[in-house]
Amino acid sequence: MAALMRGVMRLFPTERNAFLSTSGDIIVESRRFVRGLRRKPVRVLFPEDDAGKAVKPPPHPQSGPHAAEQTVARRGHPDRSDPVNTRTEPAKQPHVTVSKDHIDGLRYERAFPGDKRLSRLVSVARSRTFREHQGKILLEGKRLICDALEVGARPHTVFFSALDRLRELPLDKLRGAAIVKVKFEDIKIWSDVVAPQGVIAIFARPDPSRLNFSQRGQSVPMSLICDNVRDPGNLGTMLRCAAAAGCRDVLLTKGCVDAWEPKVLRAAMGAHFRLPVHSNLDWEEIGNHFPQPVTVHVADNSHHGHHLRRDAEDDGTHKLSKPGDYGWVSSSATRKKTEHAEYDSDSDSDSDSEDEGLSLPRVETKLYHENWAQSPSALVIGGETHGLSMQAVQLAEKTHGHRLFIPVVPGVDSLNSAMAASIILFEGRRQLVKLQQTTGKKRPAKADRSGSN
């Protein structure tokens, strides 16, 4: 009977009220009885945990006078073992996973999703300010990277999309650089070419004096000076022609486009690593880069001055009185810094007043195939927009150089500056090689005569 009463009291709880038993007038004061759930807590699984492992359920609260204090302490400082509190607190779970792999003993990383290193480095390396201040350049493609590594350029970071692309590079020269494997889609987004090769590298800006150029023995004593060349395609083509003609070095004056711009690098086809390229030079610094005295010649990009000069010499008059009449020299003696400015035709009205007080340098005119490269020489090529600067012509006059002229048919204004550079450079190489061969033949002949005596 007592067991039956206990069962009924559990089914019908009361709020501390009196319950009259059937056995008599005994009043029993009952407690609130709640049926407790004996089921276990739900197991919580997290993605970073291994399969099959579950978070242990929290221990049952202890009974006693300190149970409340322990409960408050757990709420204020949630324990890692509590699955509910672990999910609600700002978790410090690692969402980035970088795995390390090896290829032929070379260690590389696999970029995690959302890795910003490629986009950050590529976007910054394309800035001329960053290249000059931070000393970093960007090279894309197997050929450029291999050419840079061959001469001793120092790699900083290499991004590749497939192991086959990485194996095409000299792996022994990549040690010390950060090598990161990324998706091809990421390289395609940040690539500057139509068909990316799947490899991009960030290099330290090369110092021409520290690179090991293998073609030094095949060069001729001739330098190329680019004066205010602003078109990246033209400058890259000039560098390529200078390397093919065996020039000793290339000097770029202030106002030229940056030699390490991606468009210049693509047009040059590795010429940056075939011969020294010195950038951002003042005219006062040009002479310091010549190992010996040289004769400076300037390329004429206009046929008008040639005919007028010949007519003036025939009749004994001087019809050319100011630089603007030639078409091959800037009308301003002290050019302002206009690295990114375009030619303004409205300024022509003021050129006459500026030219009145200038004395025109007297530079003798010669056809490009005449003998002008009979000693160590330097050729100055001006930009197509502004032509040669006055400092270039003055240097040619000072070194007894010539104004080299390429004749064209009537009706054609002038040649492209890169095309003119290639024609004159290869003609200069021909003359210098012929001079070296003639000099080499004369020396053995003199030695034979001295031996016979």
Protein backbone atom coordinates (compact mmCIF):
# COMPACT_ATOMS: atom_id res chain seq x y z
CA MET A 1 0.00 0.00 0.00
CA ALA A 2 2.87 2.35 0.76
CA ALA A 3 4.40 1.62 -2.66
CA LEU A 4 1.07 2.41 -4.34
CA MET A 5 0.83 5.73 -2.53
CA ARG A 6 4.34 6.70 -3.58
CA GLY A 7 3.51 5.97 -7.22
CA VAL A 8 0.36 8.08 -7.09
CA MET A 9 2.20 10.95 -5.45
CA ARG A 10 4.79 10.92 -8.23
CA LEU A 11 2.12 11.09 -10.92
CA PHE A 12 0.22 13.95 -9.25
CA PRO A 13 2.66 16.44 -7.75
CA THR A 14 1.35 19.19 -5.50
CA GLU A 15 2.56 22.60 -4.48
CA ARG A 16 3.45 21.83 -0.88
CA ASN A 17 -0.26 21.26 -0.09
CA ALA A 18 -1.79 18.69 2.21
CA PHE A 19 -2.71 15.28 0.85
CA LEU A 20 -5.21 13.16 2.77
CA SER A 21 -4.41 9.49 2.79
CA THR A 22 -7.13 6.81 2.60
CA SER A 23 -5.91 4.99 5.65
CA GLY A 24 -7.14 7.58 8.08
CA ASP A 25 -7.00 11.17 9.15
CA ILE A 26 -3.24 11.30 8.81
CA ILE A 27 -2.20 14.28 6.78
CA VAL A 28 0.99 13.76 4.81
CA GLU A 29 2.93 16.81 3.64
CA SER A 30 4.34 15.85 0.25
CA ARG A 31 7.27 17.28 -1.66
CA ARG A 32 7.41 18.17 -5.34
CA PHE A 33 8.50 15.08 -7.11
CA VAL A 34 9.73 15.47 -10.68
CA ARG A 35 10.50 12.56 -12.85
CA GLY A 36 14.18 12.90 -13.78
CA LEU A 37 15.42 12.10 -17.22
CA ARG A 38 18.06 9.45 -17.17
CA ARG A 39 19.13 9.91 -20.82
CA LYS A 40 22.71 10.85 -21.65
CA PRO A 41 23.54 14.28 -23.17
CA VAL A 42 23.84 14.60 -26.93
CA ARG A 43 27.40 14.17 -28.16
CA VAL A 44 28.76 17.23 -30.05
CA LEU A 45 31.25 16.74 -32.90
CA PHE A 46 33.43 19.51 -34.37
CA PRO A 47 34.93 19.56 -37.91
CA GLU A 48 38.51 19.86 -36.70
CA ASP A 49 38.21 16.80 -34.48
CA ASP A 50 39.15 13.40 -35.82
CA ALA A 51 36.39 11.11 -36.98
CA GLY A 52 34.97 8.97 -34.23
CA LYS A 53 36.01 11.25 -31.39
CA ALA A 54 33.29 12.97 -29.36
CA VAL A 55 33.39 15.66 -26.79
CA LYS A 56 32.92 14.20 -23.32
CA PRO A 57 29.74 15.28 -21.50
CA PRO A 58 30.17 17.67 -18.62
CA PRO A 59 30.33 16.12 -15.16
CA HIS A 60 27.16 16.16 -13.06
CA PRO A 61 26.97 19.09 -10.68
CA GLN A 62 28.16 18.17 -7.27
CA SER A 63 25.88 18.36 -4.33
CA GLY A 64 26.84 20.23 -1.24
CA PRO A 65 27.26 23.76 0.00
CA HIS A 66 29.85 24.65 -2.71
CA ALA A 67 27.84 23.38 -5.66
CA ALA A 68 26.33 26.81 -6.45
CA GLU A 69 29.73 28.47 -6.34
CA GLN A 70 31.14 25.90 -8.77
CA THR A 71 28.20 26.49 -11.11
CA VAL A 72 28.77 30.26 -11.13
CA ALA A 73 32.48 29.74 -11.70
CA ARG A 74 31.79 27.54 -14.72
CA ARG A 75 29.40 30.10 -16.19
CA GLY A 76 31.83 32.98 -15.74
CA HIS A 77 34.81 31.00 -17.05
CA PRO A 78 33.51 28.33 -19.40
CA ASP A 79 35.56 25.19 -19.49
CA ARG A 80 36.85 23.79 -22.78
CA SER A 81 35.23 20.50 -21.93
CA ASP A 82 31.77 22.06 -21.91
CA PRO A 83 30.43 21.65 -25.48
CA VAL A 84 27.78 24.35 -25.13
CA ASN A 85 30.12 26.99 -23.76
CA THR A 86 32.79 26.05 -26.29
CA ARG A 87 30.44 26.81 -29.16
CA THR A 88 29.23 30.12 -27.76
CA GLU A 89 32.55 31.71 -26.78
CA PRO A 90 34.69 33.48 -29.41
CA ALA A 91 36.61 30.39 -30.39
CA LYS A 92 40.28 30.56 -31.21
CA GLN A 93 40.07 27.60 -33.50
CA PRO A 94 42.63 27.59 -36.33
CA HIS A 95 40.79 28.09 -39.63
CA VAL A 96 44.07 28.20 -41.60
CA THR A 97 45.86 25.00 -42.41
CA VAL A 98 49.18 25.07 -44.28
CA SER A 99 50.61 21.70 -45.07
CA LYS A 100 54.29 21.19 -45.79
CA ASP A 101 55.48 19.04 -48.66
CA HIS A 102 58.80 18.26 -50.31
CA ILE A 103 59.97 17.86 -53.88
CA ASP A 104 63.50 16.60 -54.48
CA GLY A 105 64.46 17.75 -51.00
CA LEU A 106 62.96 21.23 -51.50
CA ARG A 107 60.24 22.21 -49.06
CA TYR A 108 57.12 24.04 -50.23
CA GLU A 109 53.78 25.10 -48.75
CA ARG A 110 50.23 24.56 -49.91
CA ALA A 111 48.31 27.82 -49.80
CA PHE A 112 45.17 27.73 -47.68
CA PRO A 113 41.80 28.98 -49.00
CA GLY A 114 41.70 32.76 -48.93
CA ASP A 115 45.48 33.16 -48.87
CA LYS A 116 46.20 36.79 -49.78
CA ARG A 117 49.96 36.53 -50.26
CA LEU A 118 49.81 36.11 -54.04
CA SER A 119 47.42 39.00 -54.65
CA ARG A 120 49.20 41.25 -52.19
CA LEU A 121 52.70 40.68 -53.56
CA VAL A 122 51.67 40.84 -57.20
CA SER A 123 49.68 44.04 -56.83
CA VAL A 124 52.43 45.74 -54.86
CA ALA A 125 55.27 44.52 -57.08
CA ARG A 126 53.59 46.13 -60.07
CA SER A 127 54.00 49.55 -58.49
CA ARG A 128 57.09 51.47 -59.54
CA THR A 129 57.26 53.14 -56.14
CA PHE A 130 57.35 49.77 -54.43
CA ARG A 131 59.99 48.43 -56.83
CA GLU A 132 62.25 51.39 -56.18
CA HIS A 133 61.73 51.74 -52.42
CA GLN A 134 61.32 48.09 -51.39
CA GLY A 135 63.70 46.65 -53.97
CA LYS A 136 61.39 43.90 -55.30
CA ILE A 137 60.53 42.95 -58.88
CA LEU A 138 58.05 40.47 -60.36
CA LEU A 139 59.01 37.88 -62.97
CA GLU A 140 56.49 35.60 -64.65
CA GLY A 141 57.18 32.52 -66.71
CA LYS A 142 59.87 29.86 -66.83
CA ARG A 143 62.23 31.72 -69.17
CA LEU A 144 62.51 34.96 -67.22
CA ILE A 145 62.86 33.17 -63.88
CA CYS A 146 65.55 30.80 -65.21
CA ASP A 147 67.46 33.70 -66.79
CA ALA A 148 67.39 35.59 -63.50
CA LEU A 149 68.56 32.58 -61.50
CA GLU A 150 71.33 31.87 -64.00
CA VAL A 151 73.02 35.24 -63.48
CA GLY A 152 72.69 35.09 -59.70
CA ALA A 153 69.50 37.05 -58.95
CA ARG A 154 68.11 36.32 -55.48
CA PRO A 155 64.54 34.90 -55.34
CA HIS A 156 62.22 35.96 -52.52
CA THR A 157 58.92 34.09 -53.12
CA VAL A 158 57.89 31.61 -55.82
CA PHE A 159 54.24 30.76 -56.58
CA PHE A 160 53.47 27.72 -58.74
CA SER A 161 50.31 25.85 -59.70
CA ALA A 162 51.65 22.36 -60.48
CA LEU A 163 54.71 20.33 -59.54
CA ASP A 164 55.64 19.96 -63.20
CA ARG A 165 55.98 23.72 -63.48
CA LEU A 166 58.24 23.82 -60.44
CA ARG A 167 60.44 20.99 -61.72
CA GLU A 168 61.21 23.07 -64.83
CA LEU A 169 63.16 25.52 -62.65
CA PRO A 170 66.65 24.92 -61.20
CA LEU A 171 65.54 23.76 -57.75
CA ASP A 172 69.01 24.02 -56.25
CA LYS A 173 68.94 27.80 -56.79
CA LEU A 174 65.57 28.21 -55.07
CA ARG A 175 66.77 27.23 -51.62
CA GLY A 176 66.14 29.97 -49.12
CA ALA A 177 63.07 31.29 -50.96
CA ALA A 178 59.46 30.84 -49.84
CA ILE A 179 57.81 28.41 -52.27
CA VAL A 180 53.99 28.32 -52.25
CA LYS A 181 51.67 26.09 -54.27
CA VAL A 182 48.50 27.91 -55.31
CA LYS A 183 45.59 27.18 -57.59
CA PHE A 184 45.99 27.92 -61.27
CA GLU A 185 42.84 30.03 -61.13
CA ASP A 186 44.56 32.39 -58.69
CA ILE A 187 47.60 32.75 -60.95
CA LYS A 188 45.34 33.30 -63.94
CA ILE A 189 43.58 36.14 -62.13
CA TRP A 190 46.79 37.97 -61.26
CA SER A 191 48.78 37.08 -64.37
CA ASP A 192 49.67 39.77 -66.88
CA VAL A 193 49.70 37.49 -69.95
CA VAL A 194 46.96 35.82 -71.96
CA ALA A 195 48.23 32.26 -71.45
CA PRO A 196 49.87 32.04 -68.00
CA GLN A 197 52.58 29.44 -67.51
CA GLY A 198 51.62 28.76 -63.91
CA VAL A 199 54.68 30.19 -62.14
CA ILE A 200 55.32 33.70 -60.74
CA ALA A 201 58.34 34.76 -58.71
CA ILE A 202 59.21 37.81 -56.62
CA PHE A 203 62.93 38.68 -56.78
CA ALA A 204 65.12 41.19 -55.05
CA ARG A 205 65.82 44.04 -57.48
CA PRO A 206 69.07 42.98 -59.20
CA ASP A 207 72.22 45.04 -58.86
CA PRO A 208 73.94 45.05 -62.29
CA SER A 209 77.38 45.20 -60.69
CA ARG A 210 76.75 41.92 -58.81
CA LEU A 211 75.27 39.83 -61.61
CA ASN A 212 77.36 37.30 -63.49
CA PHE A 213 76.70 37.98 -67.18
CA SER A 214 77.96 35.11 -69.31
CA GLN A 215 78.08 37.09 -72.58
CA ARG A 216 80.70 39.62 -71.48
CA GLY A 217 83.30 37.98 -73.72
CA GLN A 218 81.16 38.45 -76.84
CA SER A 219 80.39 42.14 -76.34
CA VAL A 220 81.81 45.05 -78.29
CA PRO A 221 82.86 48.43 -76.83
CA MET A 222 79.51 50.08 -77.48
CA SER A 223 76.82 51.36 -75.08
CA LEU A 224 73.19 52.29 -75.61
CA ILE A 225 71.81 55.41 -73.92
CA CYS A 226 68.01 55.72 -73.82
CA ASP A 227 66.97 59.36 -73.46
CA ASN A 228 63.43 59.89 -72.17
CA VAL A 229 61.99 56.72 -73.74
CA ARG A 230 58.53 56.36 -72.20
CA ASP A 231 56.94 53.57 -74.21
CA PRO A 232 57.40 50.18 -72.46
CA GLY A 233 57.31 48.22 -75.72
CA ASN A 234 59.94 50.43 -77.35
CA LEU A 235 62.26 50.28 -74.36
CA GLY A 236 61.96 46.50 -74.09
CA THR A 237 62.72 46.12 -77.80
CA MET A 238 65.75 48.41 -77.48
CA LEU A 239 67.10 46.32 -74.61
CA ARG A 240 66.61 43.17 -76.66
CA CYS A 241 68.42 44.70 -79.66
CA ALA A 242 71.26 45.93 -77.44
CA ALA A 243 71.75 42.44 -76.02
CA ALA A 244 71.63 40.87 -79.50
CA ALA A 245 74.13 43.39 -80.89
CA GLY A 246 76.54 42.67 -78.02
CA CYS A 247 76.44 46.08 -76.35
CA ARG A 248 78.51 46.49 -73.24
CA ASP A 249 75.65 48.03 -71.19
CA VAL A 250 72.48 50.13 -71.36
CA LEU A 251 72.06 53.46 -69.57
CA LEU A 252 68.60 54.93 -68.91
CA THR A 253 68.22 58.60 -68.11
CA LYS A 254 65.62 60.04 -65.78
CA GLY A 255 62.27 60.29 -67.53
CA CYS A 256 62.47 56.81 -69.08
CA VAL A 257 59.89 54.20 -68.22
CA ASP A 258 60.96 51.80 -65.48
CA ALA A 259 63.07 49.01 -66.93
CA TRP A 260 61.49 46.45 -64.55
CA GLU A 261 57.91 47.13 -65.54
CA PRO A 262 56.14 43.89 -66.61
CA LYS A 263 55.56 45.14 -70.18
CA VAL A 264 59.22 46.06 -70.57
CA LEU A 265 60.28 42.67 -69.21
CA ARG A 266 58.09 40.83 -71.70
CA ALA A 267 59.29 42.90 -74.66
CA ALA A 268 62.95 42.51 -73.67
CA MET A 269 62.70 38.68 -73.56
CA GLY A 270 65.38 38.26 -70.89
CA ALA A 271 67.71 41.04 -72.07
CA HIS A 272 67.82 42.39 -68.51
CA PHE A 273 69.94 39.36 -67.62
CA ARG A 274 72.19 39.49 -70.69
CA LEU A 275 73.86 42.84 -70.06
CA PRO A 276 73.98 45.48 -67.30
CA VAL A 277 71.03 47.91 -67.25
CA HIS A 278 71.52 51.09 -65.20
CA SER A 279 68.36 53.10 -64.57
CA ASN A 280 67.35 56.59 -63.46
CA LEU A 281 70.63 58.34 -64.24
CA ASP A 282 71.37 62.05 -64.45
CA TRP A 283 73.42 63.27 -67.38
CA GLU A 284 76.20 64.10 -64.96
CA GLU A 285 76.32 60.40 -64.00
CA ILE A 286 76.46 59.06 -67.55
CA GLY A 287 80.20 59.55 -67.89
CA ASN A 288 80.90 57.65 -64.65
CA HIS A 289 79.60 54.42 -66.22
CA PHE A 290 82.06 54.45 -69.10
CA PRO A 291 85.19 52.41 -68.27
CA GLN A 292 87.18 54.41 -70.82
CA PRO A 293 86.70 57.54 -72.92
CA VAL A 294 84.00 57.02 -75.54
CA THR A 295 82.59 58.93 -78.47
CA VAL A 296 78.89 59.69 -78.05
CA HIS A 297 76.70 59.68 -81.16
CA VAL A 298 73.04 60.67 -81.40
CA ALA A 299 70.43 59.12 -83.69
CA ASP A 300 68.48 61.50 -85.90
CA ASN A 301 64.78 60.63 -86.10
CA SER A 302 63.87 63.27 -88.72
CA HIS A 303 64.96 63.68 -92.33
CA HIS A 304 64.08 67.38 -92.48
CA GLY A 305 67.13 68.50 -90.58
CA HIS A 306 69.40 66.43 -92.85
CA HIS A 307 68.24 68.10 -96.03
CA LEU A 308 68.24 71.58 -94.52
CA ARG A 309 71.73 71.10 -93.18
CA ARG A 310 73.02 70.00 -96.60
CA ASP A 311 71.28 72.96 -98.28
CA ALA A 312 72.80 75.34 -95.76
CA GLU A 313 76.27 73.96 -96.39
CA ASP A 314 75.85 74.28 -100.17
CA ASP A 315 74.86 77.94 -100.30
CA GLY A 316 77.00 78.99 -97.34
CA THR A 317 74.09 80.20 -95.23
CA HIS A 318 72.86 79.00 -91.83
CA LYS A 319 69.15 78.43 -92.16
CA LEU A 320 68.89 76.53 -88.87
CA SER A 321 69.07 78.97 -86.01
CA LYS A 322 67.32 77.19 -83.15
CA PRO A 323 66.97 73.61 -81.88
CA GLY A 324 63.32 73.34 -82.81
CA ASP A 325 64.24 73.58 -86.51
CA TYR A 326 66.04 70.28 -86.44
CA GLY A 327 63.26 68.07 -85.17
CA TRP A 328 65.76 65.77 -83.45
CA VAL A 329 66.43 67.76 -80.29
CA SER A 330 64.16 69.14 -77.60
CA SER A 331 63.57 72.88 -77.79
CA SER A 332 63.94 73.23 -74.02
CA ALA A 333 67.47 73.47 -72.61
CA THR A 334 66.46 72.53 -69.07
CA ARG A 335 63.64 70.03 -69.36
CA LYS A 336 61.25 69.82 -66.48
CA LYS A 337 60.39 66.53 -64.84
CA THR A 338 57.47 65.23 -66.91
CA GLU A 339 57.66 61.48 -66.39
CA HIS A 340 53.95 60.93 -67.00
CA ALA A 341 52.96 64.07 -68.93
CA GLU A 342 51.94 63.97 -72.56
CA TYR A 343 53.12 66.28 -75.30
CA ASP A 344 51.23 69.58 -75.32
CA SER A 345 50.99 71.19 -78.74
CA ASP A 346 49.89 74.50 -77.18
CA SER A 347 53.38 75.00 -75.82
CA ASP A 348 54.79 75.39 -79.36
CA SER A 349 53.88 79.07 -79.36
CA ASP A 350 56.32 79.67 -76.54
CA SER A 351 59.13 77.60 -78.04
CA ASP A 352 60.38 80.38 -80.31
CA SER A 353 60.93 82.73 -77.38
CA GLU A 354 62.73 79.98 -75.46
CA ASP A 355 64.94 79.09 -78.43
CA GLU A 356 66.15 82.61 -79.12
CA GLY A 357 68.67 82.59 -76.30
CA LEU A 358 70.02 79.07 -77.01
CA SER A 359 73.14 78.23 -78.94
CA LEU A 360 72.74 75.12 -81.06
CA PRO A 361 75.46 72.49 -80.62
CA ARG A 362 77.39 71.85 -83.81
CA VAL A 363 77.30 68.09 -84.48
CA GLU A 364 78.45 66.74 -87.83
CA THR A 365 75.92 64.67 -89.80
CA LYS A 366 76.75 61.20 -91.11
CA LEU A 367 74.80 58.43 -92.74
CA TYR A 368 74.41 55.43 -90.46
CA HIS A 369 76.48 53.14 -92.74
CA GLU A 370 79.47 55.47 -92.90
CA ASN A 371 82.47 54.89 -90.66
CA TRP A 372 81.52 56.34 -87.30
CA ALA A 373 82.26 53.46 -84.89
CA GLN A 374 86.06 53.50 -85.09
CA SER A 375 86.60 53.65 -81.32
CA PRO A 376 84.62 52.82 -78.13
CA SER A 377 81.25 54.44 -78.76
CA ALA A 378 77.87 55.17 -77.24
CA LEU A 379 74.61 55.68 -79.11
CA VAL A 380 71.83 57.92 -77.77
CA ILE A 381 68.24 57.11 -78.80
CA GLY A 382 65.54 59.62 -77.88
CA GLY A 383 61.86 59.06 -77.25
CA GLU A 384 59.40 59.51 -80.08
CA THR A 385 57.36 62.18 -78.30
CA HIS A 386 60.05 64.64 -77.21
CA GLY A 387 63.12 63.49 -79.10
CA LEU A 388 66.63 63.99 -77.78
CA SER A 389 67.42 66.27 -74.90
CA MET A 390 69.81 69.17 -75.26
CA GLN A 391 72.22 67.47 -72.82
CA ALA A 392 72.58 64.52 -75.20
CA VAL A 393 73.53 66.72 -78.14
CA GLN A 394 75.94 68.73 -76.00
CA LEU A 395 77.63 65.50 -74.91
CA ALA A 396 77.95 64.44 -78.55
CA GLU A 397 79.54 67.78 -79.40
CA LYS A 398 81.91 67.52 -76.44
CA THR A 399 83.12 64.02 -77.41
CA HIS A 400 83.33 64.86 -81.16
CA GLY A 401 80.50 62.50 -82.00
CA HIS A 402 78.14 62.49 -84.98
CA ARG A 403 74.51 62.88 -85.76
CA LEU A 404 73.59 59.57 -87.41
CA PHE A 405 70.94 59.73 -90.06
CA ILE A 406 68.88 56.89 -91.59
CA PRO A 407 67.55 57.94 -95.03
CA VAL A 408 63.92 57.08 -95.76
CA VAL A 409 61.81 57.53 -98.87
CA PRO A 410 59.91 60.80 -99.31
CA GLY A 411 56.59 60.95 -97.53
CA VAL A 412 57.68 58.92 -94.51
CA ASP A 413 58.17 61.08 -91.45
CA SER A 414 60.54 58.90 -89.41
CA LEU A 415 61.22 55.40 -88.14
CA ASN A 416 60.13 53.91 -84.87
CA SER A 417 62.76 54.64 -82.22
CA ALA A 418 63.27 50.93 -81.46
CA MET A 419 63.65 50.15 -85.17
CA ALA A 420 66.16 52.96 -85.62
CA ALA A 421 68.11 51.71 -82.61
CA SER A 422 68.33 48.18 -84.03
CA ILE A 423 69.57 49.40 -87.43
CA ILE A 424 72.26 51.66 -86.02
CA LEU A 425 73.37 49.25 -83.27
CA PHE A 426 73.97 46.36 -85.64
CA GLU A 427 75.79 48.65 -88.06
CA GLY A 428 77.97 49.85 -85.20
CA ARG A 429 78.72 46.25 -84.22
CA ARG A 430 79.71 45.43 -87.79
CA GLN A 431 82.13 48.34 -87.90
CA LEU A 432 83.64 47.56 -84.49
CA VAL A 433 84.08 43.85 -85.26
CA LYS A 434 85.71 44.71 -88.57
CA LEU A 435 88.01 47.15 -86.78
CA GLN A 436 88.98 44.48 -84.24
CA GLN A 437 89.71 41.96 -86.98
CA THR A 438 91.83 44.46 -88.90
CA THR A 439 93.73 45.39 -85.76
CA GLY A 440 94.27 41.72 -84.92
CA LYS A 441 95.75 41.02 -88.35
CA LYS A 442 98.13 43.96 -88.20
CA ARG A 443 99.62 42.94 -84.87
CA PRO A 444 100.78 39.43 -85.97
CA ALA A 445 102.22 40.94 -89.16
CA LYS A 446 104.32 43.39 -87.15
CA ALA A 447 105.46 40.56 -84.86
CA ASP A 448 106.57 38.47 -87.88
CA ARG A 449 108.59 41.36 -89.29
CA SER A 450 110.27 42.02 -85.97
CA GLY A 451 111.12 38.29 -85.66
CA SER A 452 112.68 38.11 -89.15
CA ASN A 453 114.97 41.02 -88.39
